[in-house]
Amino acid sequence: IGAYARYEDGALVMDAFVGSVDGQRIVRDQLAADAGEPGELGEAMVERLLRLGAGAILEEVRGAADAAGGRVDGLLET
């Protein structure tokens, strides 16, 4: 999960992504909004990523973490 926001030409622009543990599935998007409404931009980004399939990826990550006893530090080891 990652997000990067910046002020650009009078607007707040956010790039965000959600990826599977193995890196095979990635959902990403970019949104821009009034710089005075950062919370609304964040909420809109969450909604967009979920519509694009981020929820299924997050469930997969949660399942892998649960199977590892709640630890995520070893999930990427092969």
N, C-alpha and C. Protein backbone atom coordinates (compact mmCIF):
# COMPACT_ATOMS: atom_id res chain seq x y z
N ILE A 1 0.86 -1.16 0.00
CA ILE A 1 0.00 0.00 0.00
C ILE A 1 0.91 1.22 0.00
N GLY A 2 0.62 2.16 -0.86
CA GLY A 2 1.41 3.37 -0.88
C GLY A 2 0.61 4.53 -1.45
N ALA A 3 0.98 5.71 -1.03
CA ALA A 3 0.34 6.92 -1.54
C ALA A 3 1.34 8.06 -1.50
N TYR A 4 1.23 8.94 -2.46
CA TYR A 4 2.09 10.11 -2.54
C TYR A 4 1.22 11.28 -2.99
N ALA A 5 1.23 12.35 -2.23
CA ALA A 5 0.44 13.53 -2.57
C ALA A 5 1.36 14.73 -2.71
N ARG A 6 1.00 15.61 -3.62
CA ARG A 6 1.82 16.80 -3.85
C ARG A 6 0.92 17.96 -4.28
N TYR A 7 1.40 19.15 -4.05
CA TYR A 7 0.71 20.37 -4.47
C TYR A 7 1.20 20.69 -5.87
N GLU A 8 0.28 20.78 -6.82
CA GLU A 8 0.66 20.98 -8.21
C GLU A 8 -0.35 21.90 -8.90
N ASP A 9 0.12 23.05 -9.36
CA ASP A 9 -0.73 23.99 -10.10
C ASP A 9 -2.03 24.33 -9.37
N GLY A 10 -1.93 24.57 -8.07
CA GLY A 10 -3.09 24.97 -7.28
C GLY A 10 -3.97 23.84 -6.80
N ALA A 11 -3.59 22.62 -7.09
CA ALA A 11 -4.40 21.46 -6.67
C ALA A 11 -3.55 20.48 -5.89
N LEU A 12 -4.20 19.66 -5.11
CA LEU A 12 -3.54 18.56 -4.42
C LEU A 12 -3.72 17.32 -5.30
N VAL A 13 -2.60 16.71 -5.69
CA VAL A 13 -2.63 15.55 -6.58
C VAL A 13 -2.11 14.35 -5.80
N MET A 14 -2.85 13.23 -5.86
CA MET A 14 -2.46 12.03 -5.14
C MET A 14 -2.35 10.85 -6.09
N ASP A 15 -1.24 10.12 -5.98
CA ASP A 15 -1.05 8.84 -6.64
C ASP A 15 -1.08 7.79 -5.54
N ALA A 16 -1.78 6.68 -5.75
CA ALA A 16 -1.86 5.64 -4.73
C ALA A 16 -1.94 4.28 -5.40
N PHE A 17 -1.52 3.25 -4.64
CA PHE A 17 -1.60 1.89 -5.15
C PHE A 17 -1.79 0.90 -4.01
N VAL A 18 -2.31 -0.26 -4.37
CA VAL A 18 -2.41 -1.42 -3.48
C VAL A 18 -1.91 -2.60 -4.30
N GLY A 19 -0.98 -3.37 -3.74
CA GLY A 19 -0.43 -4.51 -4.46
C GLY A 19 -0.51 -5.79 -3.66
N SER A 20 -0.59 -6.90 -4.37
CA SER A 20 -0.60 -8.21 -3.71
C SER A 20 0.78 -8.51 -3.15
N VAL A 21 0.83 -9.47 -2.24
CA VAL A 21 2.09 -9.84 -1.59
C VAL A 21 3.12 -10.28 -2.62
N ASP A 22 2.70 -11.02 -3.64
CA ASP A 22 3.64 -11.52 -4.64
C ASP A 22 3.89 -10.52 -5.77
N GLY A 23 3.22 -9.38 -5.74
CA GLY A 23 3.42 -8.35 -6.75
C GLY A 23 2.74 -8.62 -8.08
N GLN A 24 1.94 -9.68 -8.16
CA GLN A 24 1.30 -10.04 -9.41
C GLN A 24 0.09 -9.17 -9.73
N ARG A 25 -0.56 -8.64 -8.69
CA ARG A 25 -1.74 -7.79 -8.91
C ARG A 25 -1.50 -6.44 -8.26
N ILE A 26 -1.70 -5.39 -9.03
CA ILE A 26 -1.53 -4.02 -8.53
C ILE A 26 -2.70 -3.19 -9.03
N VAL A 27 -3.26 -2.40 -8.13
CA VAL A 27 -4.31 -1.45 -8.46
C VAL A 27 -3.73 -0.08 -8.16
N ARG A 28 -3.84 0.83 -9.11
CA ARG A 28 -3.31 2.18 -8.89
C ARG A 28 -4.22 3.21 -9.53
N ASP A 29 -4.12 4.43 -9.01
CA ASP A 29 -4.94 5.51 -9.56
C ASP A 29 -4.31 6.85 -9.19
N GLN A 30 -4.78 7.90 -9.85
CA GLN A 30 -4.35 9.26 -9.55
C GLN A 30 -5.59 10.14 -9.52
N LEU A 31 -5.66 11.01 -8.53
CA LEU A 31 -6.77 11.95 -8.40
C LEU A 31 -6.21 13.33 -8.06
N ALA A 32 -6.96 14.35 -8.43
CA ALA A 32 -6.62 15.72 -8.07
C ALA A 32 -7.86 16.36 -7.46
N ALA A 33 -7.64 17.25 -6.50
CA ALA A 33 -8.75 17.93 -5.83
C ALA A 33 -8.26 19.28 -5.32
N ASP A 34 -9.20 20.07 -4.87
CA ASP A 34 -8.89 21.35 -4.26
C ASP A 34 -7.93 21.13 -3.09
N ALA A 35 -6.87 21.91 -3.03
CA ALA A 35 -5.87 21.74 -1.98
C ALA A 35 -6.43 21.95 -0.59
N GLY A 36 -7.56 22.62 -0.47
CA GLY A 36 -8.17 22.86 0.83
C GLY A 36 -9.00 21.70 1.35
N GLU A 37 -9.10 20.62 0.59
CA GLU A 37 -9.93 19.47 0.98
C GLU A 37 -9.14 18.16 0.93
N PRO A 38 -8.04 18.05 1.69
CA PRO A 38 -7.23 16.83 1.61
C PRO A 38 -7.97 15.58 2.09
N GLY A 39 -8.83 15.71 3.08
CA GLY A 39 -9.58 14.56 3.57
C GLY A 39 -10.51 13.99 2.53
N GLU A 40 -11.17 14.87 1.80
CA GLU A 40 -12.06 14.42 0.73
C GLU A 40 -11.29 13.71 -0.38
N LEU A 41 -10.10 14.20 -0.68
CA LEU A 41 -9.27 13.55 -1.68
C LEU A 41 -8.90 12.14 -1.23
N GLY A 42 -8.50 12.00 0.02
CA GLY A 42 -8.16 10.68 0.55
C GLY A 42 -9.33 9.72 0.52
N GLU A 43 -10.49 10.19 0.92
CA GLU A 43 -11.68 9.33 0.90
C GLU A 43 -12.06 8.93 -0.52
N ALA A 44 -11.96 9.87 -1.45
CA ALA A 44 -12.28 9.56 -2.84
C ALA A 44 -11.29 8.53 -3.40
N MET A 45 -10.02 8.65 -3.01
CA MET A 45 -9.03 7.69 -3.49
C MET A 45 -9.33 6.29 -2.96
N VAL A 46 -9.68 6.18 -1.69
CA VAL A 46 -10.03 4.88 -1.12
C VAL A 46 -11.19 4.27 -1.89
N GLU A 47 -12.22 5.04 -2.13
CA GLU A 47 -13.39 4.54 -2.87
C GLU A 47 -13.00 4.06 -4.27
N ARG A 48 -12.17 4.83 -4.95
CA ARG A 48 -11.75 4.45 -6.31
C ARG A 48 -10.94 3.17 -6.30
N LEU A 49 -9.97 3.07 -5.37
CA LEU A 49 -9.14 1.87 -5.31
C LEU A 49 -9.98 0.63 -4.99
N LEU A 50 -10.94 0.78 -4.09
CA LEU A 50 -11.81 -0.35 -3.77
C LEU A 50 -12.62 -0.78 -4.99
N ARG A 51 -13.13 0.18 -5.75
CA ARG A 51 -13.88 -0.15 -6.97
C ARG A 51 -13.00 -0.86 -8.01
N LEU A 52 -11.71 -0.55 -7.98
CA LEU A 52 -10.78 -1.16 -8.94
C LEU A 52 -10.27 -2.53 -8.49
N GLY A 53 -10.67 -2.98 -7.29
CA GLY A 53 -10.27 -4.31 -6.83
C GLY A 53 -9.33 -4.37 -5.65
N ALA A 54 -9.05 -3.26 -5.02
CA ALA A 54 -8.12 -3.25 -3.89
C ALA A 54 -8.63 -4.08 -2.71
N GLY A 55 -9.94 -4.17 -2.54
CA GLY A 55 -10.49 -4.92 -1.41
C GLY A 55 -10.08 -6.38 -1.46
N ALA A 56 -10.14 -6.99 -2.64
CA ALA A 56 -9.75 -8.39 -2.78
C ALA A 56 -8.27 -8.58 -2.49
N ILE A 57 -7.45 -7.64 -2.93
CA ILE A 57 -6.01 -7.73 -2.67
C ILE A 57 -5.75 -7.61 -1.17
N LEU A 58 -6.42 -6.68 -0.51
CA LEU A 58 -6.22 -6.50 0.92
C LEU A 58 -6.67 -7.73 1.71
N GLU A 59 -7.75 -8.36 1.29
CA GLU A 59 -8.20 -9.59 1.95
C GLU A 59 -7.15 -10.69 1.81
N GLU A 60 -6.54 -10.77 0.64
CA GLU A 60 -5.48 -11.75 0.41
C GLU A 60 -4.29 -11.49 1.34
N VAL A 61 -3.91 -10.23 1.47
CA VAL A 61 -2.80 -9.87 2.35
C VAL A 61 -3.15 -10.19 3.80
N ARG A 62 -4.37 -9.87 4.22
CA ARG A 62 -4.79 -10.19 5.59
C ARG A 62 -4.76 -11.70 5.83
N GLY A 63 -5.22 -12.47 4.86
CA GLY A 63 -5.20 -13.92 4.99
C GLY A 63 -3.79 -14.46 5.12
N ALA A 64 -2.86 -13.92 4.35
CA ALA A 64 -1.46 -14.35 4.43
C ALA A 64 -0.87 -13.97 5.78
N ALA A 65 -1.21 -12.79 6.28
CA ALA A 65 -0.71 -12.36 7.59
C ALA A 65 -1.29 -13.24 8.70
N ASP A 66 -2.58 -13.56 8.60
CA ASP A 66 -3.20 -14.44 9.60
C ASP A 66 -2.54 -15.81 9.59
N ALA A 67 -2.26 -16.33 8.41
CA ALA A 67 -1.62 -17.64 8.29
C ALA A 67 -0.21 -17.62 8.87
N ALA A 68 0.41 -16.46 8.88
CA ALA A 68 1.76 -16.31 9.42
C ALA A 68 1.73 -15.89 10.88
N GLY A 69 0.59 -16.07 11.54
CA GLY A 69 0.48 -15.71 12.96
C GLY A 69 0.44 -14.22 13.19
N GLY A 70 -0.05 -13.47 12.20
CA GLY A 70 -0.15 -12.03 12.34
C GLY A 70 1.10 -11.28 11.94
N ARG A 71 2.14 -12.01 11.58
CA ARG A 71 3.39 -11.36 11.18
C ARG A 71 3.40 -11.14 9.68
N VAL A 72 3.86 -9.99 9.27
CA VAL A 72 3.95 -9.71 7.84
C VAL A 72 5.40 -9.59 7.37
N ASP A 73 6.35 -9.63 8.29
CA ASP A 73 7.75 -9.43 7.91
C ASP A 73 8.31 -10.56 7.06
N GLY A 74 7.77 -11.76 7.12
CA GLY A 74 8.29 -12.87 6.34
C GLY A 74 7.45 -13.23 5.13
N LEU A 75 6.45 -12.46 4.82
CA LEU A 75 5.54 -12.81 3.73
C LEU A 75 6.20 -12.80 2.36
N LEU A 76 7.24 -12.03 2.18
CA LEU A 76 7.87 -11.93 0.87
C LEU A 76 8.98 -12.94 0.66
N GLU A 77 9.33 -13.69 1.68
CA GLU A 77 10.39 -14.68 1.55
C GLU A 77 9.92 -15.83 0.68
N THR A 78 10.82 -16.36 -0.12
CA THR A 78 10.47 -17.49 -0.98
C THR A 78 11.09 -18.76 -0.47
